[in-house]
Amino acid sequence: MKENSELKKKVQELSKRCRLLERAVERLEEELRRYRARPFLEEEFEGVRVYEKELINLLKSREVVSSDEIFAHLGVDPSESAVIKAISRQLENLEAYGLVKYTPTGWRWIG
């Protein structure tokens, strides 16, 4: 009986720690998205802009991908307007380079 009680307490402690770590990971992922978005948001940015590899792979793997599907796949919260703007700029740049084309149903890789 005592052993069972101790195990339950240990499970509760581990569950609490797991939730805490999950929240920390979420915050770090959000911070990383904002950091990666910054070069696409600054008009005067000088240097190399690194495109989101997941975005490129997603576009290459499907016939057409809507903007909403892109944001969902990349785990972007709709309230993260700066990140959405940065991804939109990446798509616009890829279109300017002739790698993607916007269609009425979404973005299509043509590169």
N, C-alpha and C. Protein backbone atom coordinates (compact mmCIF):
# COMPACT_ATOMS: atom_id res chain seq x y z
N MET A 1 0.82 -1.18 0.00
CA MET A 1 0.00 0.00 0.00
C MET A 1 0.88 1.26 0.00
N LYS A 2 1.88 1.27 0.87
CA LYS A 2 2.78 2.41 0.95
C LYS A 2 3.56 2.58 -0.35
N GLU A 3 3.97 1.46 -0.93
CA GLU A 3 4.72 1.50 -2.19
C GLU A 3 3.86 2.08 -3.30
N ASN A 4 2.59 1.71 -3.34
CA ASN A 4 1.65 2.22 -4.34
C ASN A 4 1.50 3.73 -4.21
N SER A 5 1.39 4.20 -2.99
CA SER A 5 1.25 5.63 -2.72
C SER A 5 2.50 6.40 -3.17
N GLU A 6 3.66 5.82 -2.91
CA GLU A 6 4.91 6.45 -3.32
C GLU A 6 5.02 6.51 -4.84
N LEU A 7 4.59 5.44 -5.50
CA LEU A 7 4.63 5.42 -6.96
C LEU A 7 3.69 6.47 -7.55
N LYS A 8 2.50 6.62 -6.97
CA LYS A 8 1.55 7.63 -7.45
C LYS A 8 2.14 9.03 -7.30
N LYS A 9 2.80 9.26 -6.18
CA LYS A 9 3.42 10.56 -5.93
C LYS A 9 4.52 10.82 -6.96
N LYS A 10 5.30 9.80 -7.24
CA LYS A 10 6.39 9.92 -8.21
C LYS A 10 5.83 10.21 -9.61
N VAL A 11 4.74 9.54 -9.98
CA VAL A 11 4.10 9.76 -11.27
C VAL A 11 3.61 11.20 -11.37
N GLN A 12 3.02 11.72 -10.30
CA GLN A 12 2.54 13.10 -10.29
C GLN A 12 3.70 14.08 -10.47
N GLU A 13 4.80 13.83 -9.78
CA GLU A 13 5.97 14.69 -9.90
C GLU A 13 6.52 14.67 -11.33
N LEU A 14 6.61 13.48 -11.91
CA LEU A 14 7.13 13.36 -13.27
C LEU A 14 6.18 14.00 -14.28
N SER A 15 4.89 13.86 -14.06
CA SER A 15 3.91 14.49 -14.96
C SER A 15 4.03 16.00 -14.91
N LYS A 16 4.20 16.54 -13.72
CA LYS A 16 4.36 17.98 -13.56
C LYS A 16 5.62 18.45 -14.27
N ARG A 17 6.70 17.72 -14.08
CA ARG A 17 7.97 18.07 -14.74
C ARG A 17 7.84 17.99 -16.26
N CYS A 18 7.15 16.98 -16.74
CA CYS A 18 6.95 16.81 -18.18
C CYS A 18 6.19 18.01 -18.76
N ARG A 19 5.11 18.44 -18.09
CA ARG A 19 4.34 19.60 -18.56
C ARG A 19 5.20 20.85 -18.58
N LEU A 20 6.02 21.02 -17.55
CA LEU A 20 6.91 22.18 -17.46
C LEU A 20 7.91 22.18 -18.62
N LEU A 21 8.49 21.03 -18.90
CA LEU A 21 9.45 20.92 -20.00
C LEU A 21 8.79 21.13 -21.35
N GLU A 22 7.57 20.63 -21.51
CA GLU A 22 6.84 20.84 -22.77
C GLU A 22 6.59 22.32 -23.01
N ARG A 23 6.21 23.05 -21.96
CA ARG A 23 5.99 24.50 -22.09
C ARG A 23 7.30 25.21 -22.43
N ALA A 24 8.39 24.77 -21.83
CA ALA A 24 9.69 25.39 -22.12
C ALA A 24 10.08 25.16 -23.58
N VAL A 25 9.85 23.96 -24.08
CA VAL A 25 10.14 23.66 -25.48
C VAL A 25 9.29 24.53 -26.40
N GLU A 26 8.01 24.67 -26.10
CA GLU A 26 7.12 25.51 -26.91
C GLU A 26 7.64 26.95 -26.96
N ARG A 27 8.03 27.49 -25.81
CA ARG A 27 8.54 28.86 -25.77
C ARG A 27 9.83 29.00 -26.57
N LEU A 28 10.71 28.01 -26.47
CA LEU A 28 11.96 28.06 -27.23
C LEU A 28 11.71 27.96 -28.73
N GLU A 29 10.74 27.13 -29.13
CA GLU A 29 10.40 27.02 -30.55
C GLU A 29 9.83 28.33 -31.07
N GLU A 30 8.99 28.99 -30.28
CA GLU A 30 8.44 30.30 -30.67
C GLU A 30 9.56 31.33 -30.81
N GLU A 31 10.48 31.33 -29.86
CA GLU A 31 11.60 32.26 -29.91
C GLU A 31 12.48 32.00 -31.14
N LEU A 32 12.71 30.74 -31.46
CA LEU A 32 13.50 30.38 -32.63
C LEU A 32 12.81 30.84 -33.91
N ARG A 33 11.49 30.66 -34.00
CA ARG A 33 10.75 31.13 -35.18
C ARG A 33 10.88 32.64 -35.34
N ARG A 34 10.75 33.37 -34.24
CA ARG A 34 10.89 34.84 -34.31
C ARG A 34 12.31 35.23 -34.73
N TYR A 35 13.31 34.53 -34.21
CA TYR A 35 14.70 34.81 -34.56
C TYR A 35 14.95 34.56 -36.05
N ARG A 36 14.45 33.45 -36.56
CA ARG A 36 14.64 33.12 -37.97
C ARG A 36 13.84 34.04 -38.88
N ALA A 37 12.75 34.59 -38.37
CA ALA A 37 11.90 35.48 -39.16
C ALA A 37 12.52 36.86 -39.32
N ARG A 38 13.31 37.28 -38.37
CA ARG A 38 13.83 38.64 -38.33
C ARG A 38 14.48 39.11 -39.64
N PRO A 39 15.34 38.32 -40.28
CA PRO A 39 15.96 38.80 -41.52
C PRO A 39 14.94 39.11 -42.62
N PHE A 40 13.79 38.46 -42.60
CA PHE A 40 12.79 38.69 -43.63
C PHE A 40 11.88 39.87 -43.29
N LEU A 41 11.96 40.35 -42.07
CA LEU A 41 11.12 41.47 -41.64
C LEU A 41 11.86 42.80 -41.72
N GLU A 42 13.17 42.77 -41.68
CA GLU A 42 13.96 43.99 -41.70
C GLU A 42 14.30 44.37 -43.13
N GLU A 43 13.82 45.54 -43.55
CA GLU A 43 14.07 46.01 -44.92
C GLU A 43 15.56 46.24 -45.18
N GLU A 44 16.27 46.73 -44.19
CA GLU A 44 17.68 47.09 -44.34
C GLU A 44 18.62 45.95 -43.99
N PHE A 45 18.12 44.73 -43.89
CA PHE A 45 18.95 43.59 -43.48
C PHE A 45 20.05 43.35 -44.51
N GLU A 46 21.26 43.17 -44.01
CA GLU A 46 22.40 42.81 -44.85
C GLU A 46 22.94 41.48 -44.36
N GLY A 47 23.20 40.59 -45.28
CA GLY A 47 23.72 39.28 -44.91
C GLY A 47 22.94 38.19 -45.61
N VAL A 48 23.09 36.99 -45.13
CA VAL A 48 22.45 35.83 -45.74
C VAL A 48 21.13 35.56 -45.04
N ARG A 49 20.10 35.42 -45.84
CA ARG A 49 18.79 35.03 -45.30
C ARG A 49 18.67 33.52 -45.47
N VAL A 50 18.38 32.85 -44.38
CA VAL A 50 18.25 31.39 -44.41
C VAL A 50 16.77 31.06 -44.52
N TYR A 51 16.43 30.36 -45.58
CA TYR A 51 15.04 29.98 -45.80
C TYR A 51 14.69 28.78 -44.93
N GLU A 52 13.44 28.72 -44.53
CA GLU A 52 12.94 27.64 -43.69
C GLU A 52 12.98 26.34 -44.49
N LYS A 53 13.83 25.41 -44.07
CA LYS A 53 14.00 24.14 -44.78
C LYS A 53 12.69 23.35 -44.83
N GLU A 54 11.95 23.38 -43.73
CA GLU A 54 10.66 22.68 -43.70
C GLU A 54 9.70 23.23 -44.74
N LEU A 55 9.75 24.55 -44.95
CA LEU A 55 8.89 25.19 -45.95
C LEU A 55 9.24 24.67 -47.34
N ILE A 56 10.51 24.65 -47.66
CA ILE A 56 10.96 24.17 -48.97
C ILE A 56 10.56 22.71 -49.17
N ASN A 57 10.82 21.87 -48.17
CA ASN A 57 10.48 20.45 -48.28
C ASN A 57 8.99 20.23 -48.44
N LEU A 58 8.19 21.01 -47.72
CA LEU A 58 6.73 20.90 -47.83
C LEU A 58 6.28 21.27 -49.24
N LEU A 59 6.78 22.37 -49.76
CA LEU A 59 6.39 22.80 -51.11
C LEU A 59 6.80 21.77 -52.16
N LYS A 60 7.96 21.18 -52.00
CA LYS A 60 8.43 20.18 -52.96
C LYS A 60 7.64 18.88 -52.88
N SER A 61 7.11 18.57 -51.71
CA SER A 61 6.48 17.26 -51.50
C SER A 61 5.01 17.21 -51.93
N ARG A 62 4.40 18.35 -52.17
CA ARG A 62 2.98 18.36 -52.52
C ARG A 62 2.76 19.12 -53.82
N GLU A 63 1.64 18.80 -54.45
CA GLU A 63 1.27 19.48 -55.70
C GLU A 63 1.03 20.97 -55.44
N VAL A 64 0.12 21.28 -54.52
CA VAL A 64 -0.23 22.65 -54.15
C VAL A 64 -0.44 22.70 -52.64
N VAL A 65 0.03 23.77 -52.00
CA VAL A 65 -0.12 23.91 -50.55
C VAL A 65 -0.68 25.30 -50.25
N SER A 66 -1.78 25.34 -49.52
CA SER A 66 -2.37 26.63 -49.15
C SER A 66 -1.53 27.29 -48.06
N SER A 67 -1.68 28.58 -47.93
CA SER A 67 -0.94 29.31 -46.89
C SER A 67 -1.30 28.78 -45.51
N ASP A 68 -2.58 28.51 -45.28
CA ASP A 68 -3.01 27.98 -43.98
C ASP A 68 -2.34 26.64 -43.68
N GLU A 69 -2.24 25.78 -44.71
CA GLU A 69 -1.57 24.48 -44.52
C GLU A 69 -0.09 24.68 -44.20
N ILE A 70 0.52 25.66 -44.85
CA ILE A 70 1.94 25.94 -44.59
C ILE A 70 2.13 26.36 -43.14
N PHE A 71 1.31 27.31 -42.69
CA PHE A 71 1.44 27.80 -41.31
C PHE A 71 1.19 26.68 -40.31
N ALA A 72 0.19 25.85 -40.57
CA ALA A 72 -0.12 24.74 -39.67
C ALA A 72 1.04 23.74 -39.64
N HIS A 73 1.57 23.41 -40.81
CA HIS A 73 2.67 22.44 -40.89
C HIS A 73 3.91 22.95 -40.14
N LEU A 74 4.15 24.26 -40.22
CA LEU A 74 5.32 24.84 -39.55
C LEU A 74 5.06 25.13 -38.08
N GLY A 75 3.83 24.88 -37.63
CA GLY A 75 3.50 25.08 -36.22
C GLY A 75 3.39 26.54 -35.83
N VAL A 76 2.99 27.38 -36.77
CA VAL A 76 2.88 28.81 -36.50
C VAL A 76 1.50 29.12 -35.94
N ASP A 77 1.49 29.77 -34.81
CA ASP A 77 0.24 30.20 -34.18
C ASP A 77 -0.29 31.40 -34.97
N PRO A 78 -1.60 31.43 -35.27
CA PRO A 78 -2.16 32.56 -36.03
C PRO A 78 -1.92 33.92 -35.38
N SER A 79 -1.66 33.95 -34.09
CA SER A 79 -1.40 35.22 -33.41
C SER A 79 0.03 35.72 -33.61
N GLU A 80 0.90 34.88 -34.16
CA GLU A 80 2.29 35.25 -34.41
C GLU A 80 2.40 35.99 -35.74
N SER A 81 1.88 37.21 -35.78
CA SER A 81 1.79 37.95 -37.04
C SER A 81 3.16 38.21 -37.67
N ALA A 82 4.17 38.46 -36.88
CA ALA A 82 5.51 38.71 -37.43
C ALA A 82 6.05 37.47 -38.12
N VAL A 83 5.83 36.30 -37.54
CA VAL A 83 6.31 35.06 -38.15
C VAL A 83 5.54 34.78 -39.44
N ILE A 84 4.23 35.02 -39.42
CA ILE A 84 3.41 34.83 -40.63
C ILE A 84 3.89 35.76 -41.73
N LYS A 85 4.18 36.99 -41.38
CA LYS A 85 4.67 37.96 -42.36
C LYS A 85 6.02 37.51 -42.94
N ALA A 86 6.89 37.00 -42.09
CA ALA A 86 8.21 36.54 -42.55
C ALA A 86 8.09 35.34 -43.49
N ILE A 87 7.20 34.41 -43.18
CA ILE A 87 7.01 33.25 -44.06
C ILE A 87 6.41 33.71 -45.38
N SER A 88 5.48 34.65 -45.31
CA SER A 88 4.89 35.20 -46.54
C SER A 88 5.96 35.85 -47.40
N ARG A 89 6.89 36.55 -46.78
CA ARG A 89 7.99 37.18 -47.53
C ARG A 89 8.90 36.12 -48.15
N GLN A 90 9.13 35.02 -47.41
CA GLN A 90 9.93 33.94 -47.98
C GLN A 90 9.25 33.41 -49.24
N LEU A 91 7.93 33.21 -49.16
CA LEU A 91 7.19 32.71 -50.32
C LEU A 91 7.26 33.70 -51.48
N GLU A 92 7.12 34.99 -51.18
CA GLU A 92 7.21 36.02 -52.22
C GLU A 92 8.60 36.02 -52.86
N ASN A 93 9.64 35.88 -52.05
CA ASN A 93 11.01 35.83 -52.58
C ASN A 93 11.20 34.59 -53.46
N LEU A 94 10.70 33.46 -53.00
CA LEU A 94 10.81 32.23 -53.79
C LEU A 94 10.07 32.38 -55.12
N GLU A 95 8.96 33.09 -55.08
CA GLU A 95 8.20 33.34 -56.32
C GLU A 95 9.01 34.26 -57.24
N ALA A 96 9.64 35.28 -56.68
CA ALA A 96 10.46 36.20 -57.48
C ALA A 96 11.64 35.48 -58.11
N TYR A 97 12.16 34.45 -57.44
CA TYR A 97 13.27 33.66 -57.98
C TYR A 97 12.80 32.61 -58.98
N GLY A 98 11.49 32.50 -59.18
CA GLY A 98 10.94 31.53 -60.11
C GLY A 98 10.88 30.11 -59.57
N LEU A 99 10.91 29.95 -58.25
CA LEU A 99 10.89 28.62 -57.65
C LEU A 99 9.50 28.16 -57.27
N VAL A 100 8.61 29.09 -56.95
CA VAL A 100 7.23 28.76 -56.63
C VAL A 100 6.31 29.68 -57.41
N LYS A 101 5.06 29.26 -57.50
CA LYS A 101 4.05 30.08 -58.17
C LYS A 101 2.80 30.05 -57.32
N TYR A 102 2.19 31.23 -57.14
CA TYR A 102 0.95 31.29 -56.39
C TYR A 102 -0.20 31.01 -57.33
N THR A 103 -1.08 30.09 -56.94
CA THR A 103 -2.27 29.74 -57.71
C THR A 103 -3.49 30.05 -56.85
N PRO A 104 -4.68 30.03 -57.44
CA PRO A 104 -5.88 30.28 -56.63
C PRO A 104 -6.07 29.30 -55.47
N THR A 105 -5.47 28.12 -55.57
CA THR A 105 -5.63 27.12 -54.50
C THR A 105 -4.44 27.06 -53.55
N GLY A 106 -3.37 27.79 -53.85
CA GLY A 106 -2.22 27.80 -52.96
C GLY A 106 -0.91 27.93 -53.71
N TRP A 107 0.17 27.57 -53.04
CA TRP A 107 1.52 27.69 -53.59
C TRP A 107 1.95 26.38 -54.24
N ARG A 108 2.59 26.49 -55.40
CA ARG A 108 3.04 25.30 -56.13
C ARG A 108 4.53 25.45 -56.42
N TRP A 109 5.29 24.39 -56.12
CA TRP A 109 6.73 24.37 -56.39
C TRP A 109 6.94 24.15 -57.88
N ILE A 110 7.73 25.01 -58.52
CA ILE A 110 8.03 24.84 -59.94
C ILE A 110 9.54 24.80 -60.19
N GLY A 111 10.32 25.00 -59.11
CA GLY A 111 11.78 25.10 -59.18
C GLY A 111 12.41 23.95 -59.83
